[in-house]
Amino acid sequence: MGDGNNRSSSNSEKPEWLQQYNLIGKIGEGTYGLVFLAKTKSTANRGKSIAIKKFKQSKDGDGVSPTAIREIMLLREIAHENVVKLVNVHINHTDMSLFSNQSYCSP
């Protein structure tokens, strides 16, 4: 999932949690991260769209930015029809990158 341009990586290179999704491509980029569209592979939810956000590292190089932590904490608490639903959070321990799975709101 690096920069969003290399979609040919094999499943063995993906973290285990990411192997349950088919990555479609990058759908956005902002100050705090990149967002990718993915579809679930599981039988129960096959083809369901989900947004996966990869948070950018903190500017001081200490890993996850405090803003990313705040965003995740807030999304865990908020349940409203006009706010995207946080589905799950994942940490890649090799490079301390942080990902959040969120419901996909189509345009």
N, C-alpha and C. Protein backbone atom coordinates (compact mmCIF):
# COMPACT_ATOMS: atom_id res chain seq x y z
N MET A 1 0.84 -1.18 0.00
CA MET A 1 0.00 0.00 0.00
C MET A 1 0.87 1.23 0.00
N GLY A 2 2.12 1.15 0.02
CA GLY A 2 3.06 2.27 -0.01
C GLY A 2 2.50 3.61 -0.39
N ASP A 3 2.72 4.02 -1.65
CA ASP A 3 2.27 5.34 -2.08
C ASP A 3 0.95 5.28 -2.84
N GLY A 4 0.41 4.09 -2.99
CA GLY A 4 -0.87 3.96 -3.67
C GLY A 4 -0.76 3.68 -5.15
N ASN A 5 0.44 3.73 -5.69
CA ASN A 5 0.61 3.53 -7.12
C ASN A 5 0.99 2.09 -7.47
N ASN A 6 1.49 1.32 -6.53
CA ASN A 6 1.93 -0.03 -6.81
C ASN A 6 0.87 -1.01 -6.33
N ARG A 7 0.03 -1.46 -7.25
CA ARG A 7 -1.03 -2.38 -6.87
C ARG A 7 -0.67 -3.82 -7.23
N SER A 8 0.54 -4.07 -7.69
CA SER A 8 0.89 -5.40 -8.13
C SER A 8 1.58 -6.22 -7.04
N SER A 9 1.67 -5.70 -5.83
CA SER A 9 2.34 -6.43 -4.77
C SER A 9 1.54 -7.68 -4.42
N SER A 10 2.24 -8.75 -4.07
CA SER A 10 1.57 -10.00 -3.76
C SER A 10 1.00 -9.97 -2.35
N ASN A 11 0.09 -10.92 -2.09
CA ASN A 11 -0.52 -11.00 -0.77
C ASN A 11 0.51 -11.23 0.32
N SER A 12 1.61 -11.93 0.00
CA SER A 12 2.61 -12.21 1.02
C SER A 12 3.29 -10.93 1.51
N GLU A 13 3.28 -9.87 0.71
CA GLU A 13 3.89 -8.61 1.11
C GLU A 13 2.93 -7.74 1.92
N LYS A 14 1.64 -8.03 1.85
CA LYS A 14 0.64 -7.24 2.57
C LYS A 14 0.55 -7.72 4.01
N PRO A 15 0.27 -6.80 4.94
CA PRO A 15 -0.01 -7.24 6.31
C PRO A 15 -1.23 -8.17 6.29
N GLU A 16 -1.31 -9.06 7.26
CA GLU A 16 -2.39 -10.04 7.28
C GLU A 16 -3.78 -9.40 7.24
N TRP A 17 -3.98 -8.32 8.00
CA TRP A 17 -5.30 -7.68 8.03
C TRP A 17 -5.69 -7.12 6.67
N LEU A 18 -4.69 -6.71 5.87
CA LEU A 18 -4.96 -6.10 4.58
C LEU A 18 -5.30 -7.14 3.51
N GLN A 19 -4.93 -8.38 3.75
CA GLN A 19 -5.19 -9.44 2.77
C GLN A 19 -6.68 -9.75 2.61
N GLN A 20 -7.51 -9.28 3.53
CA GLN A 20 -8.95 -9.51 3.40
C GLN A 20 -9.64 -8.50 2.49
N TYR A 21 -8.84 -7.60 1.88
CA TYR A 21 -9.39 -6.57 1.00
C TYR A 21 -8.72 -6.60 -0.37
N ASN A 22 -9.48 -6.22 -1.39
CA ASN A 22 -8.93 -5.94 -2.72
C ASN A 22 -8.79 -4.43 -2.81
N LEU A 23 -7.56 -3.95 -2.95
CA LEU A 23 -7.35 -2.51 -3.07
C LEU A 23 -7.71 -2.05 -4.47
N ILE A 24 -8.55 -1.04 -4.54
CA ILE A 24 -8.99 -0.50 -5.82
C ILE A 24 -8.07 0.64 -6.26
N GLY A 25 -7.71 1.51 -5.33
CA GLY A 25 -6.81 2.61 -5.65
C GLY A 25 -6.94 3.75 -4.68
N LYS A 26 -6.08 4.73 -4.86
CA LYS A 26 -6.08 5.91 -4.00
C LYS A 26 -7.25 6.80 -4.38
N ILE A 27 -8.01 7.25 -3.37
CA ILE A 27 -9.16 8.12 -3.64
C ILE A 27 -9.00 9.50 -3.03
N GLY A 28 -7.96 9.70 -2.25
CA GLY A 28 -7.77 11.02 -1.67
C GLY A 28 -6.48 11.14 -0.90
N GLU A 29 -6.10 12.39 -0.67
CA GLU A 29 -4.90 12.68 0.10
C GLU A 29 -5.12 14.01 0.80
N GLY A 30 -4.70 14.07 2.04
CA GLY A 30 -4.86 15.30 2.80
C GLY A 30 -3.64 15.56 3.65
N THR A 31 -3.77 16.50 4.54
CA THR A 31 -2.68 16.89 5.41
C THR A 31 -2.19 15.72 6.26
N TYR A 32 -3.10 14.87 6.69
CA TYR A 32 -2.73 13.84 7.66
C TYR A 32 -2.64 12.43 7.10
N GLY A 33 -2.91 12.25 5.81
CA GLY A 33 -2.78 10.91 5.30
C GLY A 33 -3.34 10.70 3.91
N LEU A 34 -3.25 9.45 3.48
CA LEU A 34 -3.74 8.99 2.18
C LEU A 34 -4.95 8.10 2.42
N VAL A 35 -5.92 8.15 1.52
CA VAL A 35 -7.11 7.31 1.66
C VAL A 35 -7.24 6.44 0.41
N PHE A 36 -7.47 5.16 0.64
CA PHE A 36 -7.60 4.18 -0.43
C PHE A 36 -8.98 3.55 -0.39
N LEU A 37 -9.51 3.24 -1.56
CA LEU A 37 -10.76 2.49 -1.66
C LEU A 37 -10.41 1.02 -1.75
N ALA A 38 -11.12 0.20 -0.98
CA ALA A 38 -10.91 -1.24 -1.02
C ALA A 38 -12.27 -1.93 -0.97
N LYS A 39 -12.29 -3.18 -1.42
CA LYS A 39 -13.51 -3.98 -1.36
C LYS A 39 -13.20 -5.25 -0.57
N THR A 40 -14.15 -5.65 0.26
CA THR A 40 -13.95 -6.83 1.09
C THR A 40 -13.97 -8.10 0.26
N LYS A 41 -13.17 -9.08 0.70
CA LYS A 41 -13.13 -10.39 0.05
C LYS A 41 -13.99 -11.41 0.77
N SER A 42 -14.30 -11.17 2.04
CA SER A 42 -15.03 -12.16 2.85
C SER A 42 -16.38 -12.49 2.23
N THR A 43 -16.81 -13.71 2.42
CA THR A 43 -18.06 -14.17 1.82
C THR A 43 -19.26 -13.36 2.30
N ALA A 44 -19.30 -13.06 3.58
CA ALA A 44 -20.46 -12.35 4.14
C ALA A 44 -20.63 -10.95 3.57
N ASN A 45 -19.53 -10.26 3.34
CA ASN A 45 -19.58 -8.87 2.86
C ASN A 45 -18.86 -8.67 1.54
N ARG A 46 -18.78 -9.71 0.73
CA ARG A 46 -18.00 -9.65 -0.51
C ARG A 46 -18.37 -8.43 -1.35
N GLY A 47 -17.35 -7.67 -1.72
CA GLY A 47 -17.55 -6.52 -2.59
C GLY A 47 -17.97 -5.25 -1.88
N LYS A 48 -18.13 -5.30 -0.56
CA LYS A 48 -18.51 -4.09 0.18
C LYS A 48 -17.34 -3.11 0.16
N SER A 49 -17.64 -1.86 -0.16
CA SER A 49 -16.60 -0.83 -0.23
C SER A 49 -16.24 -0.33 1.16
N ILE A 50 -14.95 -0.09 1.34
CA ILE A 50 -14.44 0.45 2.59
C ILE A 50 -13.31 1.42 2.27
N ALA A 51 -13.15 2.43 3.08
CA ALA A 51 -12.05 3.37 2.92
C ALA A 51 -10.96 3.01 3.92
N ILE A 52 -9.73 2.95 3.46
CA ILE A 52 -8.60 2.67 4.34
C ILE A 52 -7.70 3.90 4.33
N LYS A 53 -7.53 4.49 5.50
CA LYS A 53 -6.70 5.68 5.62
C LYS A 53 -5.35 5.30 6.21
N LYS A 54 -4.29 5.69 5.51
CA LYS A 54 -2.94 5.51 6.03
C LYS A 54 -2.47 6.87 6.53
N PHE A 55 -2.29 6.98 7.83
CA PHE A 55 -1.87 8.24 8.42
C PHE A 55 -0.40 8.50 8.14
N LYS A 56 -0.07 9.75 7.89
CA LYS A 56 1.32 10.14 7.71
C LYS A 56 2.03 10.12 9.05
N GLN A 57 3.33 9.88 9.02
CA GLN A 57 4.13 9.87 10.24
C GLN A 57 4.21 11.28 10.82
N SER A 58 4.46 11.37 12.12
CA SER A 58 4.60 12.68 12.75
C SER A 58 5.82 13.40 12.19
N LYS A 59 5.78 14.71 12.19
CA LYS A 59 6.87 15.51 11.62
C LYS A 59 8.17 15.34 12.38
N ASP A 60 8.09 15.03 13.67
CA ASP A 60 9.31 14.89 14.46
C ASP A 60 9.90 13.48 14.37
N GLY A 61 9.26 12.61 13.61
CA GLY A 61 9.80 11.28 13.38
C GLY A 61 9.54 10.29 14.49
N ASP A 62 8.66 10.62 15.42
CA ASP A 62 8.37 9.74 16.55
C ASP A 62 7.23 8.77 16.27
N GLY A 63 6.89 8.55 15.02
CA GLY A 63 5.83 7.61 14.69
C GLY A 63 4.52 8.30 14.39
N VAL A 64 3.48 7.90 15.09
CA VAL A 64 2.12 8.38 14.84
C VAL A 64 1.94 9.78 15.39
N SER A 65 1.31 10.63 14.60
CA SER A 65 1.09 12.01 15.04
C SER A 65 -0.03 12.07 16.08
N PRO A 66 0.06 13.02 17.00
CA PRO A 66 -1.00 13.20 18.00
C PRO A 66 -2.35 13.51 17.35
N THR A 67 -2.33 14.17 16.21
CA THR A 67 -3.58 14.49 15.51
C THR A 67 -4.27 13.21 15.04
N ALA A 68 -3.50 12.23 14.57
CA ALA A 68 -4.08 10.96 14.14
C ALA A 68 -4.73 10.25 15.32
N ILE A 69 -4.06 10.27 16.45
CA ILE A 69 -4.61 9.63 17.65
C ILE A 69 -5.92 10.32 18.06
N ARG A 70 -5.93 11.64 18.02
CA ARG A 70 -7.15 12.38 18.38
C ARG A 70 -8.29 12.04 17.43
N GLU A 71 -7.98 11.98 16.13
CA GLU A 71 -9.02 11.65 15.14
C GLU A 71 -9.63 10.29 15.43
N ILE A 72 -8.79 9.32 15.70
CA ILE A 72 -9.28 7.96 15.97
C ILE A 72 -10.10 7.93 17.25
N MET A 73 -9.63 8.60 18.29
CA MET A 73 -10.37 8.62 19.55
C MET A 73 -11.75 9.26 19.37
N LEU A 74 -11.81 10.34 18.61
CA LEU A 74 -13.10 11.00 18.36
C LEU A 74 -14.04 10.12 17.54
N LEU A 75 -13.51 9.51 16.48
CA LEU A 75 -14.36 8.67 15.64
C LEU A 75 -14.89 7.45 16.40
N ARG A 76 -14.13 6.97 17.38
CA ARG A 76 -14.60 5.85 18.20
C ARG A 76 -15.81 6.23 19.03
N GLU A 77 -15.89 7.50 19.41
CA GLU A 77 -16.95 7.97 20.29
C GLU A 77 -18.20 8.45 19.54
N ILE A 78 -18.03 8.88 18.30
CA ILE A 78 -19.12 9.50 17.57
C ILE A 78 -19.91 8.46 16.77
N ALA A 79 -21.21 8.50 16.93
CA ALA A 79 -22.11 7.67 16.13
C ALA A 79 -23.20 8.59 15.60
N HIS A 80 -23.03 9.02 14.35
CA HIS A 80 -23.98 9.94 13.75
C HIS A 80 -24.06 9.65 12.26
N GLU A 81 -25.23 9.79 11.68
CA GLU A 81 -25.42 9.48 10.26
C GLU A 81 -24.59 10.34 9.33
N ASN A 82 -24.14 11.50 9.78
CA ASN A 82 -23.35 12.40 8.93
C ASN A 82 -21.86 12.33 9.20
N VAL A 83 -21.44 11.37 10.02
CA VAL A 83 -20.02 11.20 10.33
C VAL A 83 -19.62 9.79 9.93
N VAL A 84 -18.51 9.68 9.22
CA VAL A 84 -18.02 8.38 8.76
C VAL A 84 -17.80 7.46 9.97
N LYS A 85 -18.12 6.17 9.79
CA LYS A 85 -18.00 5.20 10.88
C LYS A 85 -16.60 4.57 10.86
N LEU A 86 -15.95 4.59 12.03
CA LEU A 86 -14.66 3.93 12.18
C LEU A 86 -14.92 2.44 12.35
N VAL A 87 -14.31 1.63 11.49
CA VAL A 87 -14.53 0.19 11.52
C VAL A 87 -13.44 -0.51 12.32
N ASN A 88 -12.18 -0.13 12.07
CA ASN A 88 -11.06 -0.80 12.73
C ASN A 88 -9.81 0.06 12.60
N VAL A 89 -8.81 -0.24 13.43
CA VAL A 89 -7.53 0.46 13.41
C VAL A 89 -6.44 -0.60 13.39
N HIS A 90 -5.40 -0.37 12.59
CA HIS A 90 -4.29 -1.32 12.47
C HIS A 90 -2.97 -0.56 12.55
N ILE A 91 -1.97 -1.20 13.17
CA ILE A 91 -0.62 -0.64 13.24
C ILE A 91 0.32 -1.62 12.58
N ASN A 92 1.15 -1.10 11.67
CA ASN A 92 2.21 -1.89 11.08
C ASN A 92 3.43 -1.68 11.97
N HIS A 93 3.79 -2.69 12.74
CA HIS A 93 4.85 -2.54 13.74
C HIS A 93 6.25 -2.42 13.14
N THR A 94 6.41 -2.81 11.88
CA THR A 94 7.74 -2.69 11.28
C THR A 94 8.14 -1.24 11.04
N ASP A 95 7.18 -0.41 10.64
CA ASP A 95 7.51 1.01 10.41
C ASP A 95 6.62 1.95 11.22
N MET A 96 5.82 1.39 12.13
CA MET A 96 4.93 2.15 13.00
C MET A 96 3.91 2.99 12.22
N SER A 97 3.51 2.50 11.04
CA SER A 97 2.48 3.21 10.29
C SER A 97 1.11 2.81 10.84
N LEU A 98 0.20 3.77 10.80
CA LEU A 98 -1.13 3.60 11.38
C LEU A 98 -2.18 3.68 10.28
N PHE A 99 -3.14 2.75 10.32
CA PHE A 99 -4.21 2.69 9.33
C PHE A 99 -5.55 2.67 10.06
N SER A 100 -6.55 3.29 9.45
CA SER A 100 -7.91 3.15 9.97
C SER A 100 -8.82 2.72 8.82
N ASN A 101 -9.69 1.78 9.13
CA ASN A 101 -10.71 1.34 8.18
C ASN A 101 -11.97 2.10 8.53
N GLN A 102 -12.57 2.71 7.52
CA GLN A 102 -13.77 3.51 7.74
C GLN A 102 -14.82 3.15 6.70
N SER A 103 -16.07 3.38 7.06
CA SER A 103 -17.12 3.16 6.07
C SER A 103 -16.86 4.09 4.89
N TYR A 104 -17.19 3.61 3.70
CA TYR A 104 -16.96 4.40 2.50
C TYR A 104 -18.23 5.16 2.15
N CYS A 105 -18.10 6.46 2.01
CA CYS A 105 -19.22 7.32 1.63
C CYS A 105 -19.03 7.70 0.18
N SER A 106 -19.80 7.10 -0.71
CA SER A 106 -19.62 7.38 -2.13
C SER A 106 -20.11 8.78 -2.48
N PRO A 107 -19.46 9.39 -3.47
CA PRO A 107 -19.84 10.76 -3.86
C PRO A 107 -21.20 10.81 -4.53
